[in-house]
N, C-alpha and C. Protein backbone atom coordinates (compact mmCIF):
# COMPACT_ATOMS: atom_id res chain seq x y z
N MET A 1 -18.12 -55.10 49.02
CA MET A 1 -18.78 -53.80 49.11
C MET A 1 -19.25 -53.37 47.72
N SER A 2 -20.35 -52.67 47.69
CA SER A 2 -20.86 -52.10 46.46
C SER A 2 -21.16 -50.63 46.73
N ALA A 3 -21.38 -49.90 45.66
CA ALA A 3 -21.67 -48.48 45.82
C ALA A 3 -22.83 -48.09 44.92
N LYS A 4 -23.63 -47.18 45.42
CA LYS A 4 -24.75 -46.63 44.65
C LYS A 4 -24.34 -45.23 44.20
N VAL A 5 -24.42 -44.97 42.90
CA VAL A 5 -24.09 -43.65 42.35
C VAL A 5 -25.31 -42.75 42.49
N LEU A 6 -25.15 -41.66 43.22
CA LEU A 6 -26.24 -40.71 43.40
C LEU A 6 -26.29 -39.69 42.28
N GLU A 7 -25.11 -39.26 41.79
CA GLU A 7 -25.06 -38.21 40.77
C GLU A 7 -23.71 -38.26 40.07
N ARG A 8 -23.66 -37.78 38.83
CA ARG A 8 -22.42 -37.70 38.04
C ARG A 8 -22.18 -36.24 37.64
N PHE A 9 -20.90 -35.85 37.64
CA PHE A 9 -20.52 -34.51 37.22
C PHE A 9 -19.31 -34.61 36.30
N PRO A 10 -19.36 -33.99 35.11
CA PRO A 10 -18.24 -34.09 34.17
C PRO A 10 -16.98 -33.47 34.75
N ALA A 11 -15.87 -34.16 34.57
CA ALA A 11 -14.59 -33.66 35.09
C ALA A 11 -14.10 -32.45 34.31
N GLY A 12 -14.57 -32.28 33.09
CA GLY A 12 -14.14 -31.15 32.27
C GLY A 12 -14.83 -29.84 32.60
N SER A 13 -15.65 -29.85 33.63
CA SER A 13 -16.36 -28.64 34.03
C SER A 13 -15.36 -27.55 34.44
N PRO A 14 -15.64 -26.29 34.15
CA PRO A 14 -14.74 -25.21 34.54
C PRO A 14 -14.50 -25.16 36.06
N ARG A 15 -15.45 -25.67 36.83
CA ARG A 15 -15.30 -25.64 38.29
C ARG A 15 -14.71 -26.93 38.83
N GLY A 16 -14.30 -27.86 37.95
CA GLY A 16 -13.67 -29.10 38.40
C GLY A 16 -14.59 -29.94 39.27
N SER A 17 -14.09 -30.37 40.42
CA SER A 17 -14.85 -31.26 41.29
C SER A 17 -15.80 -30.51 42.22
N TRP A 18 -15.79 -29.18 42.23
CA TRP A 18 -16.60 -28.44 43.20
C TRP A 18 -18.09 -28.77 43.17
N PRO A 19 -18.73 -28.87 42.01
CA PRO A 19 -20.16 -29.22 42.03
C PRO A 19 -20.42 -30.57 42.69
N ALA A 20 -19.54 -31.53 42.44
CA ALA A 20 -19.69 -32.85 43.06
C ALA A 20 -19.49 -32.76 44.57
N GLU A 21 -18.49 -32.01 44.99
CA GLU A 21 -18.22 -31.84 46.42
C GLU A 21 -19.38 -31.13 47.11
N GLU A 22 -19.95 -30.14 46.47
CA GLU A 22 -21.09 -29.41 47.05
C GLU A 22 -22.31 -30.33 47.16
N TYR A 23 -22.55 -31.13 46.13
CA TYR A 23 -23.68 -32.07 46.15
C TYR A 23 -23.49 -33.10 47.27
N ALA A 24 -22.27 -33.64 47.39
CA ALA A 24 -21.98 -34.62 48.44
C ALA A 24 -22.15 -34.01 49.83
N ALA A 25 -21.71 -32.77 50.00
CA ALA A 25 -21.84 -32.09 51.28
C ALA A 25 -23.31 -31.92 51.66
N ALA A 26 -24.13 -31.59 50.67
CA ALA A 26 -25.57 -31.43 50.93
C ALA A 26 -26.18 -32.77 51.34
N ARG A 27 -25.76 -33.87 50.69
CA ARG A 27 -26.28 -35.19 51.05
C ARG A 27 -25.83 -35.58 52.46
N ARG A 28 -24.56 -35.25 52.80
CA ARG A 28 -24.07 -35.55 54.16
C ARG A 28 -24.84 -34.75 55.20
N ALA A 29 -25.20 -33.52 54.88
CA ALA A 29 -25.98 -32.69 55.81
C ALA A 29 -27.36 -33.30 56.05
N GLU A 30 -27.85 -34.09 55.08
CA GLU A 30 -29.13 -34.78 55.23
C GLU A 30 -28.98 -36.15 55.88
N GLY A 31 -27.74 -36.50 56.24
CA GLY A 31 -27.50 -37.77 56.92
C GLY A 31 -27.06 -38.92 56.02
N GLU A 32 -26.88 -38.66 54.74
CA GLU A 32 -26.44 -39.71 53.80
C GLU A 32 -24.91 -39.64 53.70
N PRO A 33 -24.20 -40.74 53.95
CA PRO A 33 -22.73 -40.71 53.95
C PRO A 33 -22.14 -40.69 52.53
N ALA A 34 -22.34 -39.61 51.81
CA ALA A 34 -21.91 -39.49 50.41
C ALA A 34 -20.43 -39.16 50.31
N THR A 35 -19.79 -39.72 49.27
CA THR A 35 -18.38 -39.51 49.00
C THR A 35 -18.22 -39.20 47.52
N VAL A 36 -17.20 -38.41 47.18
CA VAL A 36 -16.90 -38.12 45.78
C VAL A 36 -15.72 -38.99 45.35
N VAL A 37 -15.88 -39.65 44.21
CA VAL A 37 -14.81 -40.44 43.62
C VAL A 37 -14.66 -40.05 42.16
N MET A 38 -13.49 -40.32 41.61
CA MET A 38 -13.23 -40.02 40.19
C MET A 38 -13.34 -41.30 39.40
N ASP A 39 -14.16 -41.28 38.34
CA ASP A 39 -14.25 -42.41 37.41
C ASP A 39 -13.41 -42.03 36.20
N LEU A 40 -12.21 -42.61 36.11
CA LEU A 40 -11.30 -42.26 35.03
C LEU A 40 -11.82 -42.71 33.67
N ASN A 41 -12.54 -43.83 33.62
CA ASN A 41 -13.05 -44.33 32.34
C ASN A 41 -14.04 -43.38 31.70
N SER A 42 -14.90 -42.77 32.51
CA SER A 42 -15.90 -41.85 31.96
C SER A 42 -15.51 -40.38 32.14
N ASP A 43 -14.35 -40.12 32.75
CA ASP A 43 -13.86 -38.76 33.00
C ASP A 43 -14.93 -37.94 33.73
N ALA A 44 -15.39 -38.50 34.85
CA ALA A 44 -16.45 -37.84 35.62
C ALA A 44 -16.21 -38.04 37.11
N PHE A 45 -16.70 -37.08 37.89
CA PHE A 45 -16.72 -37.22 39.34
C PHE A 45 -18.06 -37.84 39.70
N LEU A 46 -18.05 -38.87 40.53
CA LEU A 46 -19.26 -39.55 40.96
C LEU A 46 -19.48 -39.31 42.44
N VAL A 47 -20.72 -39.04 42.81
CA VAL A 47 -21.09 -38.95 44.22
C VAL A 47 -21.73 -40.31 44.55
N VAL A 48 -21.10 -41.03 45.47
CA VAL A 48 -21.53 -42.39 45.77
C VAL A 48 -21.81 -42.56 47.26
N VAL A 49 -22.61 -43.59 47.54
CA VAL A 49 -22.86 -44.04 48.91
C VAL A 49 -22.47 -45.51 48.92
N GLU A 50 -21.54 -45.88 49.79
CA GLU A 50 -21.10 -47.26 49.85
C GLU A 50 -22.01 -48.07 50.77
N GLY A 51 -22.15 -49.34 50.44
CA GLY A 51 -22.93 -50.23 51.27
C GLY A 51 -22.51 -51.66 51.05
N PRO A 52 -22.89 -52.55 51.92
CA PRO A 52 -22.53 -53.97 51.75
C PRO A 52 -23.24 -54.56 50.55
N ASP A 53 -22.61 -55.58 49.94
CA ASP A 53 -23.24 -56.28 48.81
C ASP A 53 -24.56 -56.90 49.24
N GLY A 54 -25.52 -56.83 48.33
CA GLY A 54 -26.81 -57.48 48.60
C GLY A 54 -27.69 -56.77 49.59
N ASP A 55 -27.51 -55.46 49.74
CA ASP A 55 -28.33 -54.73 50.71
C ASP A 55 -29.63 -54.22 50.10
N GLY A 56 -29.92 -54.60 48.85
CA GLY A 56 -31.18 -54.20 48.23
C GLY A 56 -31.13 -52.89 47.48
N ARG A 57 -29.99 -52.25 47.42
CA ARG A 57 -29.88 -50.99 46.66
C ARG A 57 -29.84 -51.30 45.18
N ALA A 58 -30.42 -50.42 44.40
CA ALA A 58 -30.42 -50.62 42.93
C ALA A 58 -29.29 -49.86 42.28
């Protein structure tokens, strides 16, 4: 499995993960199965869409 990162949000934001959760919710409302994950290396919340390897996503 691979994942496409749709957007990044800094974890140090005063609102924490809320901006990422709101962005993911808006993408889900549009039919995109977006999920929020934490990237510990970059200290950021990522909104991602998972897909099988080799599906042509960049």
